[in-house]
């Protein structure tokens, strides 16, 4: 009886003041467990371009819920870099808030981040440097996409504990500064795509309602690539041969991989918007405007 009365009191307060009830029932924070095989990988988490955690696996991290995905990066001597995008979904508490607190309560939860929850990451299997590094993104669990490493097997295998400690010292000093996505060191290789504005007509394979769509890119003389359709998001270049880069699609916060061939054909892969555990594959041709 007392418990029901307490819940009713919360409901009345939410209805009267429009406060975020999801933040009351599920909180603004969430615990995620990070594990690797083998253990002992040095990892960082970046949320909305800000580094929010630095740790060694295994580790349980308490973080703030937010509407943006989390980028995890782990390194361990003798293994390829492990990168994963951790997506989020709507918290079940939000629907209760829709009933109890109305649209104002829902807006409050979306602003605070309590309206969202992150998918639980699986145990990540590190790839030995003696083996080939993954070349494409792969969905390994619901809402979890493993990305190709941004560094070569040789450079990954030569990471030392000293360099990790030095990196920790430097990053601890400015861990709250915003970090911009950077490209691998490929300055010695020419960009295989001419600078300028490009339009690509893409076959939306498997979608009969919308069989084609158009993507626009701006390739800068400074070797940058921006995806106009993704709110001018700056791409992260993974390699030059063939030109391969990634960017986060605002629709579902999905990391998408683009492969641009010398004949200006393009393939696009990534997690499906309807089911993040399933990949999609599109292809098309690009022309310079």
C-alpha atoms as a PDB file:
ATOM      1  CA  UNK A   1       0.000   0.000   0.000  1.00  0.00           C
ATOM      2  CA  UNK A   2       2.779   2.443   0.948  1.00  0.00           C
ATOM      3  CA  UNK A   3       4.644   1.675  -2.262  1.00  0.00           C
ATOM      4  CA  UNK A   4       1.565   2.321  -4.383  1.00  0.00           C
ATOM      5  CA  UNK A   5       0.930   5.588  -2.566  1.00  0.00           C
ATOM      6  CA  UNK A   6       4.533   6.671  -3.201  1.00  0.00           C
ATOM      7  CA  UNK A   7       4.233   5.907  -6.907  1.00  0.00           C
ATOM      8  CA  UNK A   8       0.942   7.784  -7.076  1.00  0.00           C
ATOM      9  CA  UNK A   9       2.559  10.762  -5.401  1.00  0.00           C
ATOM     10  CA  UNK A  10       5.361  10.770  -7.969  1.00  0.00           C
ATOM     11  CA  UNK A  11       2.794  10.544 -10.773  1.00  0.00           C
ATOM     12  CA  UNK A  12       0.860  13.515  -9.397  1.00  0.00           C
ATOM     13  CA  UNK A  13       4.025  15.604  -9.087  1.00  0.00           C
ATOM     14  CA  UNK A  14       5.098  14.732 -12.617  1.00  0.00           C
ATOM     15  CA  UNK A  15       1.701  15.644 -13.999  1.00  0.00           C
ATOM     16  CA  UNK A  16       1.592  18.931 -12.092  1.00  0.00           C
ATOM     17  CA  UNK A  17       5.108  20.143 -12.745  1.00  0.00           C
ATOM     18  CA  UNK A  18       5.997  18.376 -15.985  1.00  0.00           C
ATOM     19  CA  UNK A  19       9.284  17.132 -14.516  1.00  0.00           C
ATOM     20  CA  UNK A  20      11.283  14.364 -16.149  1.00  0.00           C
ATOM     21  CA  UNK A  21       9.829  11.154 -14.763  1.00  0.00           C
ATOM     22  CA  UNK A  22      12.260   8.912 -16.645  1.00  0.00           C
ATOM     23  CA  UNK A  23      15.054  10.614 -14.696  1.00  0.00           C
ATOM     24  CA  UNK A  24      13.170   9.766 -11.507  1.00  0.00           C
ATOM     25  CA  UNK A  25      12.472   6.117 -12.357  1.00  0.00           C
ATOM     26  CA  UNK A  26      15.661   5.180 -14.224  1.00  0.00           C
ATOM     27  CA  UNK A  27      18.112   7.952 -13.403  1.00  0.00           C
ATOM     28  CA  UNK A  28      20.399  10.057 -15.540  1.00  0.00           C
ATOM     29  CA  UNK A  29      23.321   7.628 -15.260  1.00  0.00           C
ATOM     30  CA  UNK A  30      23.953   4.100 -16.484  1.00  0.00           C
ATOM     31  CA  UNK A  31      26.538   1.397 -15.710  1.00  0.00           C
ATOM     32  CA  UNK A  32      28.244  -0.374 -18.610  1.00  0.00           C
ATOM     33  CA  UNK A  33      30.635  -3.303 -18.295  1.00  0.00           C
ATOM     34  CA  UNK A  34      33.616  -3.342 -20.671  1.00  0.00           C
ATOM     35  CA  UNK A  35      35.545  -6.586 -21.203  1.00  0.00           C
ATOM     36  CA  UNK A  36      38.150  -7.707 -23.722  1.00  0.00           C
ATOM     37  CA  UNK A  37      39.780 -11.025 -24.560  1.00  0.00           C
ATOM     38  CA  UNK A  38      42.567 -10.923 -23.578  1.00  0.00           C
ATOM     39  CA  UNK A  39      42.145  -8.601 -20.598  1.00  0.00           C
ATOM     40  CA  UNK A  40      44.349  -5.598 -19.892  1.00  0.00           C
ATOM     41  CA  UNK A  41      43.469  -3.396 -22.874  1.00  0.00           C
ATOM     42  CA  UNK A  42      43.772   0.369 -22.363  1.00  0.00           C
ATOM     43  CA  UNK A  43      40.500   1.969 -23.432  1.00  0.00           C
ATOM     44  CA  UNK A  44      38.943   5.394 -23.798  1.00  0.00           C
ATOM     45  CA  UNK A  45      35.311   6.444 -24.226  1.00  0.00           C
ATOM     46  CA  UNK A  46      34.267   9.533 -26.171  1.00  0.00           C
ATOM     47  CA  UNK A  47      30.757  10.945 -25.905  1.00  0.00           C
ATOM     48  CA  UNK A  48      29.713  13.933 -28.017  1.00  0.00           C
ATOM     49  CA  UNK A  49      33.395  14.649 -28.886  1.00  0.00           C
ATOM     50  CA  UNK A  50      34.421  14.711 -25.205  1.00  0.00           C
ATOM     51  CA  UNK A  51      36.566  12.018 -23.588  1.00  0.00           C
ATOM     52  CA  UNK A  52      34.554  10.784 -20.606  1.00  0.00           C
ATOM     53  CA  UNK A  53      36.544   7.779 -19.375  1.00  0.00           C
ATOM     54  CA  UNK A  54      39.978   6.149 -19.538  1.00  0.00           C
ATOM     55  CA  UNK A  55      40.447   2.682 -18.041  1.00  0.00           C
ATOM     56  CA  UNK A  56      41.883  -0.822 -18.400  1.00  0.00           C
ATOM     57  CA  UNK A  57      39.669  -3.834 -19.044  1.00  0.00           C
ATOM     58  CA  UNK A  58      37.754  -5.379 -17.403  1.00  0.00           C
ATOM     59  CA  UNK A  59      35.993  -2.357 -15.943  1.00  0.00           C
ATOM     60  CA  UNK A  60      32.485  -1.177 -15.070  1.00  0.00           C
ATOM     61  CA  UNK A  61      31.967   2.475 -15.970  1.00  0.00           C
ATOM     62  CA  UNK A  62      29.162   4.701 -14.688  1.00  0.00           C
ATOM     63  CA  UNK A  63      28.338   7.336 -17.295  1.00  0.00           C
ATOM     64  CA  UNK A  64      25.660   9.883 -18.033  1.00  0.00           C
ATOM     65  CA  UNK A  65      22.906   8.901 -20.436  1.00  0.00           C
ATOM     66  CA  UNK A  66      22.792  11.017 -23.587  1.00  0.00           C
ATOM     67  CA  UNK A  67      21.235  11.064 -27.053  1.00  0.00           C
ATOM     68  CA  UNK A  68      24.619  10.711 -28.769  1.00  0.00           C
ATOM     69  CA  UNK A  69      26.465   7.400 -29.309  1.00  0.00           C
ATOM     70  CA  UNK A  70      29.704   6.489 -27.536  1.00  0.00           C
ATOM     71  CA  UNK A  71      32.948   5.721 -29.355  1.00  0.00           C
ATOM     72  CA  UNK A  72      35.147   3.146 -27.596  1.00  0.00           C
ATOM     73  CA  UNK A  73      38.820   2.764 -28.544  1.00  0.00           C
ATOM     74  CA  UNK A  74      41.080   0.101 -26.978  1.00  0.00           C
ATOM     75  CA  UNK A  75      44.759  -0.707 -27.522  1.00  0.00           C
ATOM     76  CA  UNK A  76      46.986  -3.503 -26.266  1.00  0.00           C
ATOM     77  CA  UNK A  77      50.559  -4.342 -27.302  1.00  0.00           C
ATOM     78  CA  UNK A  78      50.597  -7.147 -29.890  1.00  0.00           C
ATOM     79  CA  UNK A  79      47.001  -6.592 -31.004  1.00  0.00           C
ATOM     80  CA  UNK A  80      45.155  -4.421 -33.500  1.00  0.00           C
ATOM     81  CA  UNK A  81      43.350  -1.381 -32.205  1.00  0.00           C
ATOM     82  CA  UNK A  82      39.724  -2.161 -31.279  1.00  0.00           C
ATOM     83  CA  UNK A  83      37.118   0.491 -32.080  1.00  0.00           C
ATOM     84  CA  UNK A  84      33.392   0.205 -31.443  1.00  0.00           C
ATOM     85  CA  UNK A  85      30.390   2.495 -31.742  1.00  0.00           C
ATOM     86  CA  UNK A  86      27.915   2.007 -28.887  1.00  0.00           C
ATOM     87  CA  UNK A  87      24.474   3.223 -29.936  1.00  0.00           C
ATOM     88  CA  UNK A  88      21.534   4.051 -27.718  1.00  0.00           C
ATOM     89  CA  UNK A  89      17.812   3.518 -27.732  1.00  0.00           C
ATOM     90  CA  UNK A  90      14.802   5.057 -26.026  1.00  0.00           C
ATOM     91  CA  UNK A  91      14.480   4.224 -22.342  1.00  0.00           C
ATOM     92  CA  UNK A  92      11.323   2.304 -21.450  1.00  0.00           C
ATOM     93  CA  UNK A  93      10.730   4.796 -18.647  1.00  0.00           C
ATOM     94  CA  UNK A  94      10.128   7.483 -21.256  1.00  0.00           C
ATOM     95  CA  UNK A  95       6.795   5.948 -22.266  1.00  0.00           C
ATOM     96  CA  UNK A  96       5.595   6.033 -18.687  1.00  0.00           C
ATOM     97  CA  UNK A  97       6.594   9.658 -18.607  1.00  0.00           C
ATOM     98  CA  UNK A  98       4.543  10.285 -21.757  1.00  0.00           C
ATOM     99  CA  UNK A  99       1.471   9.095 -19.862  1.00  0.00           C
ATOM    100  CA  UNK A 100       2.285  10.684 -16.509  1.00  0.00           C
ATOM    101  CA  UNK A 101       4.237  13.832 -17.284  1.00  0.00           C
ATOM    102  CA  UNK A 102       3.077  14.609 -20.795  1.00  0.00           C
ATOM    103  CA  UNK A 103       5.138  16.197 -23.555  1.00  0.00           C
ATOM    104  CA  UNK A 104       6.883  18.603 -21.155  1.00  0.00           C
ATOM    105  CA  UNK A 105       8.173  15.703 -19.084  1.00  0.00           C
ATOM    106  CA  UNK A 106       9.357  13.908 -22.215  1.00  0.00           C
ATOM    107  CA  UNK A 107      11.216  16.997 -23.381  1.00  0.00           C
ATOM    108  CA  UNK A 108      12.852  17.318 -19.979  1.00  0.00           C
ATOM    109  CA  UNK A 109      14.040  13.697 -20.150  1.00  0.00           C
ATOM    110  CA  UNK A 110      15.414  14.164 -23.674  1.00  0.00           C
ATOM    111  CA  UNK A 111      17.329  17.252 -22.581  1.00  0.00           C
ATOM    112  CA  UNK A 112      18.830  15.544 -19.525  1.00  0.00           C
ATOM    113  CA  UNK A 113      19.565  12.312 -21.413  1.00  0.00           C
ATOM    114  CA  UNK A 114      17.371  10.216 -19.115  1.00  0.00           C
ATOM    115  CA  UNK A 115      15.136   9.412 -22.093  1.00  0.00           C
ATOM    116  CA  UNK A 116      17.872   7.213 -23.569  1.00  0.00           C
ATOM    117  CA  UNK A 117      19.860   4.146 -22.572  1.00  0.00           C
ATOM    118  CA  UNK A 118      22.970   2.637 -24.139  1.00  0.00           C
ATOM    119  CA  UNK A 119      23.097  -0.925 -25.415  1.00  0.00           C
ATOM    120  CA  UNK A 120      25.189  -3.283 -23.296  1.00  0.00           C
ATOM    121  CA  UNK A 121      28.528  -4.022 -24.986  1.00  0.00           C
ATOM    122  CA  UNK A 122      29.620  -7.658 -25.426  1.00  0.00           C
ATOM    123  CA  UNK A 123      33.100  -8.978 -24.657  1.00  0.00           C
ATOM    124  CA  UNK A 124      35.377  -7.684 -27.429  1.00  0.00           C
ATOM    125  CA  UNK A 125      37.803 -10.197 -28.952  1.00  0.00           C
ATOM    126  CA  UNK A 126      41.075  -8.423 -29.783  1.00  0.00           C
ATOM    127  CA  UNK A 127      42.675  -9.395 -33.105  1.00  0.00           C
ATOM    128  CA  UNK A 128      46.399 -10.326 -32.891  1.00  0.00           C
ATOM    129  CA  UNK A 129      48.729  -8.090 -34.886  1.00  0.00           C
ATOM    130  CA  UNK A 130      49.971 -11.200 -36.715  1.00  0.00           C
ATOM    131  CA  UNK A 131      46.534 -11.528 -38.341  1.00  0.00           C
ATOM    132  CA  UNK A 132      44.856  -9.239 -40.867  1.00  0.00           C
ATOM    133  CA  UNK A 133      43.054  -6.269 -39.395  1.00  0.00           C
ATOM    134  CA  UNK A 134      39.279  -5.995 -39.991  1.00  0.00           C
ATOM    135  CA  UNK A 135      38.573  -3.938 -43.115  1.00  0.00           C
ATOM    136  CA  UNK A 136      34.840  -3.261 -42.775  1.00  0.00           C
ATOM    137  CA  UNK A 137      32.435  -2.338 -40.004  1.00  0.00           C
ATOM    138  CA  UNK A 138      30.563  -5.229 -38.411  1.00  0.00           C
ATOM    139  CA  UNK A 139      27.552  -5.326 -36.083  1.00  0.00           C
ATOM    140  CA  UNK A 140      28.536  -7.693 -33.253  1.00  0.00           C
ATOM    141  CA  UNK A 141      25.519  -7.204 -30.982  1.00  0.00           C
ATOM    142  CA  UNK A 142      22.370  -5.133 -30.868  1.00  0.00           C
ATOM    143  CA  UNK A 143      23.417  -1.508 -31.142  1.00  0.00           C
ATOM    144  CA  UNK A 144      27.155  -2.357 -31.133  1.00  0.00           C
ATOM    145  CA  UNK A 145      29.240  -1.883 -34.298  1.00  0.00           C
ATOM    146  CA  UNK A 146      32.947  -2.765 -34.449  1.00  0.00           C
ATOM    147  CA  UNK A 147      34.907  -0.485 -36.778  1.00  0.00           C
ATOM    148  CA  UNK A 148      38.151  -1.029 -38.701  1.00  0.00           C
ATOM    149  CA  UNK A 149      41.241   0.180 -36.809  1.00  0.00           C
ATOM    150  CA  UNK A 150      42.663   3.565 -37.728  1.00  0.00           C
ATOM    151  CA  UNK A 151      46.254   2.368 -37.509  1.00  0.00           C
ATOM    152  CA  UNK A 152      48.240  -0.392 -39.190  1.00  0.00           C
ATOM    153  CA  UNK A 153      49.023  -3.764 -37.640  1.00  0.00           C
ATOM    154  CA  UNK A 154      52.690  -2.815 -37.447  1.00  0.00           C
ATOM    155  CA  UNK A 155      52.084   0.382 -35.512  1.00  0.00           C
ATOM    156  CA  UNK A 156      49.588  -1.345 -33.237  1.00  0.00           C
ATOM    157  CA  UNK A 157      51.949  -4.171 -32.367  1.00  0.00           C
ATOM    158  CA  UNK A 158      54.701  -1.710 -31.459  1.00  0.00           C
ATOM    159  CA  UNK A 159      52.667   0.119 -28.822  1.00  0.00           C
ATOM    160  CA  UNK A 160      54.587   0.019 -25.545  1.00  0.00           C
ATOM    161  CA  UNK A 161      53.532   0.471 -21.945  1.00  0.00           C
ATOM    162  CA  UNK A 162      55.728   3.572 -21.782  1.00  0.00           C
ATOM    163  CA  UNK A 163      53.891   5.211 -24.692  1.00  0.00           C
ATOM    164  CA  UNK A 164      50.547   4.337 -23.093  1.00  0.00           C
ATOM    165  CA  UNK A 165      51.588   5.933 -19.800  1.00  0.00           C
ATOM    166  CA  UNK A 166      52.825   9.030 -21.639  1.00  0.00           C
ATOM    167  CA  UNK A 167      49.528   9.217 -23.518  1.00  0.00           C
ATOM    168  CA  UNK A 168      47.599   8.893 -20.252  1.00  0.00           C
ATOM    169  CA  UNK A 169      49.564  11.740 -18.664  1.00  0.00           C
ATOM    170  CA  UNK A 170      48.940  14.022 -21.619  1.00  0.00           C
ATOM    171  CA  UNK A 171      45.257  13.190 -21.967  1.00  0.00           C
ATOM    172  CA  UNK A 172      44.548  13.428 -18.238  1.00  0.00           C
ATOM    173  CA  UNK A 173      45.721  17.036 -18.481  1.00  0.00           C
ATOM    174  CA  UNK A 174      43.114  17.992 -21.092  1.00  0.00           C
ATOM    175  CA  UNK A 175      40.575  15.169 -20.844  1.00  0.00           C
ATOM    176  CA  UNK A 176      37.667  17.610 -20.791  1.00  0.00           C
ATOM    177  CA  UNK A 177      38.664  19.361 -24.019  1.00  0.00           C
ATOM    178  CA  UNK A 178      36.614  18.554 -27.080  1.00  0.00           C
ATOM    179  CA  UNK A 179      38.327  16.232 -29.520  1.00  0.00           C
ATOM    180  CA  UNK A 180      37.804  16.374 -33.270  1.00  0.00           C
ATOM    181  CA  UNK A 181      37.746  13.209 -35.369  1.00  0.00           C
ATOM    182  CA  UNK A 182      41.119  12.821 -37.081  1.00  0.00           C
ATOM    183  CA  UNK A 183      42.311  10.853 -40.060  1.00  0.00           C
ATOM    184  CA  UNK A 184      45.163   8.341 -40.112  1.00  0.00           C
ATOM    185  CA  UNK A 185      48.569   9.554 -41.230  1.00  0.00           C
ATOM    186  CA  UNK A 186      48.315   9.182 -45.001  1.00  0.00           C
ATOM    187  CA  UNK A 187      49.866  12.488 -46.012  1.00  0.00           C
ATOM    188  CA  UNK A 188      52.453  10.697 -48.171  1.00  0.00           C
ATOM    189  CA  UNK A 189      49.670   9.273 -50.340  1.00  0.00           C
ATOM    190  CA  UNK A 190      47.709  11.474 -52.766  1.00  0.00           C
ATOM    191  CA  UNK A 191      43.950  11.791 -52.405  1.00  0.00           C
ATOM    192  CA  UNK A 192      42.466   9.612 -55.138  1.00  0.00           C
ATOM    193  CA  UNK A 193      39.349  11.784 -55.476  1.00  0.00           C
ATOM    194  CA  UNK A 194      39.530  15.242 -57.054  1.00  0.00           C
ATOM    195  CA  UNK A 195      38.686  18.154 -54.771  1.00  0.00           C
ATOM    196  CA  UNK A 196      35.274  19.732 -55.255  1.00  0.00           C
ATOM    197  CA  UNK A 197      31.575  18.953 -54.879  1.00  0.00           C
ATOM    198  CA  UNK A 198      30.383  15.455 -55.799  1.00  0.00           C
ATOM    199  CA  UNK A 199      26.915  13.981 -56.237  1.00  0.00           C
ATOM    200  CA  UNK A 200      26.375  10.224 -55.969  1.00  0.00           C
ATOM    201  CA  UNK A 201      23.259   8.383 -57.115  1.00  0.00           C
ATOM    202  CA  UNK A 202      22.935   5.359 -54.872  1.00  0.00           C
ATOM    203  CA  UNK A 203      20.897   2.175 -55.382  1.00  0.00           C
ATOM    204  CA  UNK A 204      18.924   1.564 -52.194  1.00  0.00           C
ATOM    205  CA  UNK A 205      19.167  -2.219 -52.481  1.00  0.00           C
ATOM    206  CA  UNK A 206      16.205  -4.082 -51.016  1.00  0.00           C
ATOM    207  CA  UNK A 207      14.046  -0.960 -50.623  1.00  0.00           C
ATOM    208  CA  UNK A 208      11.288  -1.012 -53.252  1.00  0.00           C
ATOM    209  CA  UNK A 209       9.577   2.070 -51.820  1.00  0.00           C
ATOM    210  CA  UNK A 210      12.715   4.168 -52.309  1.00  0.00           C
ATOM    211  CA  UNK A 211      14.951   2.376 -54.835  1.00  0.00           C
ATOM    212  CA  UNK A 212      17.419   5.276 -55.205  1.00  0.00           C
ATOM    213  CA  UNK A 213      18.699   8.199 -53.177  1.00  0.00           C
ATOM    214  CA  UNK A 214      21.316  10.927 -53.631  1.00  0.00           C
ATOM    215  CA  UNK A 215      24.365  11.684 -51.505  1.00  0.00           C
ATOM    216  CA  UNK A 216      26.472  14.813 -51.794  1.00  0.00           C
ATOM    217  CA  UNK A 217      30.108  15.123 -50.723  1.00  0.00           C
ATOM    218  CA  UNK A 218      32.542  18.017 -50.571  1.00  0.00           C
ATOM    219  CA  UNK A 219      36.186  17.012 -50.974  1.00  0.00           C
ATOM    220  CA  UNK A 220      38.551  19.730 -49.780  1.00  0.00           C
ATOM    221  CA  UNK A 221      41.994  20.559 -51.084  1.00  0.00           C
ATOM    222  CA  UNK A 222      43.193  19.870 -47.521  1.00  0.00           C
ATOM    223  CA  UNK A 223      42.204  16.187 -47.927  1.00  0.00           C
ATOM    224  CA  UNK A 224      39.028  16.505 -45.863  1.00  0.00           C
ATOM    225  CA  UNK A 225      35.695  14.977 -46.856  1.00  0.00           C
ATOM    226  CA  UNK A 226      32.349  16.269 -45.628  1.00  0.00           C
ATOM    227  CA  UNK A 227      29.001  14.517 -46.162  1.00  0.00           C
ATOM    228  CA  UNK A 228      26.448  17.210 -46.972  1.00  0.00           C
ATOM    229  CA  UNK A 229      23.489  14.912 -46.271  1.00  0.00           C
ATOM    230  CA  UNK A 230      24.890  14.146 -42.805  1.00  0.00           C
ATOM    231  CA  UNK A 231      24.693  17.799 -41.713  1.00  0.00           C
ATOM    232  CA  UNK A 232      28.142  18.368 -43.225  1.00  0.00           C
ATOM    233  CA  UNK A 233      29.706  15.757 -40.950  1.00  0.00           C
ATOM    234  CA  UNK A 234      33.447  15.395 -41.416  1.00  0.00           C
ATOM    235  CA  UNK A 235      34.472  11.913 -42.485  1.00  0.00           C
ATOM    236  CA  UNK A 236      37.251   9.887 -40.893  1.00  0.00           C
ATOM    237  CA  UNK A 237      39.532   8.524 -43.614  1.00  0.00           C
ATOM    238  CA  UNK A 238      40.597   4.933 -42.942  1.00  0.00           C
ATOM    239  CA  UNK A 239      42.740   4.301 -46.011  1.00  0.00           C
ATOM    240  CA  UNK A 240      43.434   5.600 -49.509  1.00  0.00           C
ATOM    241  CA  UNK A 241      43.477   2.428 -51.645  1.00  0.00           C
ATOM    242  CA  UNK A 242      40.603   2.176 -52.160  1.00  0.00           C
ATOM    243  CA  UNK A 243      39.473   5.413 -50.538  1.00  0.00           C
ATOM    244  CA  UNK A 244      37.580   4.269 -47.453  1.00  0.00           C
ATOM    245  CA  UNK A 245      36.054   6.557 -44.852  1.00  0.00           C
ATOM    246  CA  UNK A 246      33.366   6.589 -42.169  1.00  0.00           C
ATOM    247  CA  UNK A 247      30.830   9.075 -40.823  1.00  0.00           C
ATOM    248  CA  UNK A 248      27.901   8.935 -38.427  1.00  0.00           C
ATOM    249  CA  UNK A 249      24.501   9.022 -40.123  1.00  0.00           C
ATOM    250  CA  UNK A 250      22.194  11.271 -38.031  1.00  0.00           C
ATOM    251  CA  UNK A 251      19.332   8.874 -38.785  1.00  0.00           C
ATOM    252  CA  UNK A 252      19.753   6.464 -35.904  1.00  0.00           C
ATOM    253  CA  UNK A 253      23.294   7.625 -35.024  1.00  0.00           C
ATOM    254  CA  UNK A 254      24.702   4.832 -37.213  1.00  0.00           C
ATOM    255  CA  UNK A 255      28.313   4.694 -38.273  1.00  0.00           C
ATOM    256  CA  UNK A 256      28.386   4.260 -42.060  1.00  0.00           C
ATOM    257  CA  UNK A 257      31.380   3.106 -44.123  1.00  0.00           C
ATOM    258  CA  UNK A 258      31.982   4.468 -47.644  1.00  0.00           C
ATOM    259  CA  UNK A 259      34.306   2.866 -50.203  1.00  0.00           C
ATOM    260  CA  UNK A 260      35.068   5.097 -53.204  1.00  0.00           C
ATOM    261  CA  UNK A 261      36.709   3.264 -56.100  1.00  0.00           C
ATOM    262  CA  UNK A 262      38.996   4.841 -58.769  1.00  0.00           C
ATOM    263  CA  UNK A 263      36.196   4.540 -61.369  1.00  0.00           C
ATOM    264  CA  UNK A 264      34.031   6.739 -59.068  1.00  0.00           C
ATOM    265  CA  UNK A 265      31.758   3.866 -58.092  1.00  0.00           C
ATOM    266  CA  UNK A 266      30.873   3.743 -54.429  1.00  0.00           C
ATOM    267  CA  UNK A 267      29.666   1.139 -51.932  1.00  0.00           C
ATOM    268  CA  UNK A 268      28.036   2.038 -48.623  1.00  0.00           C
ATOM    269  CA  UNK A 269      27.697  -0.335 -45.680  1.00  0.00           C
ATOM    270  CA  UNK A 270      26.575  -0.092 -42.077  1.00  0.00           C
ATOM    271  CA  UNK A 271      23.900  -1.163 -39.575  1.00  0.00           C
ATOM    272  CA  UNK A 272      20.275  -1.065 -40.676  1.00  0.00           C
ATOM    273  CA  UNK A 273      18.099   1.678 -39.199  1.00  0.00           C
ATOM    274  CA  UNK A 274      15.306  -0.798 -38.508  1.00  0.00           C
ATOM    275  CA  UNK A 275      17.543  -3.451 -36.939  1.00  0.00           C
ATOM    276  CA  UNK A 276      21.079  -2.372 -35.916  1.00  0.00           C
ATOM    277  CA  UNK A 277      22.133  -6.033 -35.731  1.00  0.00           C
ATOM    278  CA  UNK A 278      21.619  -6.401 -39.486  1.00  0.00           C
ATOM    279  CA  UNK A 279      23.981  -4.754 -42.025  1.00  0.00           C
ATOM    280  CA  UNK A 280      22.913  -3.004 -45.215  1.00  0.00           C
ATOM    281  CA  UNK A 281      24.739  -2.678 -48.542  1.00  0.00           C
ATOM    282  CA  UNK A 282      24.152   0.034 -51.141  1.00  0.00           C
ATOM    283  CA  UNK A 283      26.096   0.988 -54.268  1.00  0.00           C
ATOM    284  CA  UNK A 284      26.150   3.679 -56.929  1.00  0.00           C
ATOM    285  CA  UNK A 285      28.098   6.085 -59.115  1.00  0.00           C
ATOM    286  CA  UNK A 286      29.504   9.530 -58.216  1.00  0.00           C
ATOM    287  CA  UNK A 287      29.905  12.510 -60.519  1.00  0.00           C
ATOM    288  CA  UNK A 288      31.673  15.800 -59.907  1.00  0.00           C
ATOM    289  CA  UNK A 289      29.345  18.792 -59.974  1.00  0.00           C
END
